[in-house]
Amino acid sequence: MVEETHSIYTVDGDYAGYATSVMYSPLLKKHIGIAKLPLPLTQVGTEVLLEIVPIHKPVKVQAREVKMPFYSPKHKTD
């Protein structure tokens, strides 16, 4: 079993927490993830930087807090 986390930083570059699950959603056509962050950064719409490591070179990409569930179709909630 491979255990992997991705560091998360504030837009100012300060370490803020980590993502434990990151994956591409073919249904949403975007990447999604679940992270552990301090309470002030958990507001919907808060932007952070997620560090990923493609080909052994760390890169920070922009991420945004959204309300879960990521996808809730009408036919499943009515």
Protein backbone atom coordinates (compact mmCIF):
# COMPACT_ATOMS: atom_id res chain seq x y z
CA MET A 1 0.00 0.00 0.00
CA VAL A 2 1.31 3.42 -0.96
CA GLU A 3 0.46 6.26 1.39
CA GLU A 4 0.81 9.70 -0.14
CA THR A 5 -0.10 13.22 0.93
CA HIS A 6 0.14 16.54 -0.88
CA SER A 7 1.16 19.70 0.99
CA ILE A 8 -1.17 22.68 0.89
CA TYR A 9 -0.05 26.30 1.23
CA THR A 10 -1.86 29.62 1.63
CA VAL A 11 -1.74 31.99 -1.33
CA ASP A 12 1.01 33.81 0.63
CA GLY A 13 3.11 30.62 0.55
CA ASP A 14 2.76 29.55 4.21
CA TYR A 15 2.26 25.85 4.94
CA ALA A 16 -1.42 25.24 5.76
CA GLY A 17 -2.08 21.49 5.77
CA TYR A 18 -2.22 18.49 3.49
CA ALA A 19 -4.49 16.62 1.11
CA THR A 20 -4.93 12.93 1.80
CA SER A 21 -6.92 12.09 -1.33
CA VAL A 22 -6.45 13.67 -4.74
CA MET A 23 -7.83 12.25 -7.99
CA TYR A 24 -9.29 13.17 -11.36
CA SER A 25 -13.07 12.96 -11.64
CA PRO A 26 -14.14 11.92 -15.15
CA LEU A 27 -17.71 12.91 -14.29
CA LEU A 28 -16.79 16.46 -13.22
CA LYS A 29 -13.89 16.72 -15.72
CA LYS A 30 -11.59 18.18 -13.04
CA HIS A 31 -9.37 17.12 -10.15
CA ILE A 32 -10.91 16.77 -6.70
CA GLY A 33 -9.44 16.06 -3.27
CA ILE A 34 -10.00 15.92 0.45
CA ALA A 35 -7.69 17.87 2.75
CA LYS A 36 -6.99 18.64 6.40
CA LEU A 37 -6.81 22.41 6.89
CA PRO A 38 -7.14 24.90 9.75
CA LEU A 39 -10.70 26.14 10.28
CA PRO A 40 -10.16 29.65 8.78
CA LEU A 41 -9.21 28.06 5.44
CA THR A 42 -12.29 25.82 5.23
CA GLN A 43 -14.72 28.49 4.04
CA VAL A 44 -16.25 27.78 0.61
CA GLY A 45 -14.36 29.70 -2.08
CA THR A 46 -11.07 29.99 -0.15
CA GLU A 47 -8.14 29.58 -2.54
CA VAL A 48 -5.01 27.64 -1.59
CA LEU A 49 -2.00 26.15 -3.38
CA LEU A 50 -1.74 22.36 -3.68
CA GLU A 51 1.76 20.96 -4.18
CA ILE A 52 2.00 18.11 -6.67
CA VAL A 53 5.15 16.36 -7.86
CA PRO A 54 5.04 15.48 -11.56
CA ILE A 55 8.31 13.87 -12.67
CA HIS A 56 10.19 14.61 -9.40
CA LYS A 57 9.83 18.40 -9.56
CA PRO A 58 7.38 19.95 -7.04
CA VAL A 59 4.82 22.31 -8.56
CA LYS A 60 2.12 24.31 -6.76
CA VAL A 61 -1.29 24.51 -8.44
CA GLN A 62 -4.25 26.66 -7.44
CA ALA A 63 -7.10 24.93 -5.59
CA ARG A 64 -10.40 26.19 -4.15
CA GLU A 65 -12.59 25.05 -1.25
CA VAL A 66 -16.03 23.77 -2.28
CA LYS A 67 -18.95 22.33 -0.35
CA MET A 68 -19.23 18.53 -0.28
CA PRO A 69 -20.54 16.47 -1.93
CA PHE A 70 -18.62 17.43 -5.05
CA TYR A 71 -21.51 16.19 -7.22
CA SER A 72 -25.15 15.81 -6.20
CA PRO A 73 -27.47 15.10 -9.16
CA LYS A 74 -31.14 16.12 -8.85
CA HIS A 75 -32.42 12.59 -9.58
CA LYS A 76 -30.50 11.28 -6.54
CA THR A 77 -31.63 13.99 -4.11
CA ASP A 78 -35.34 14.33 -4.93
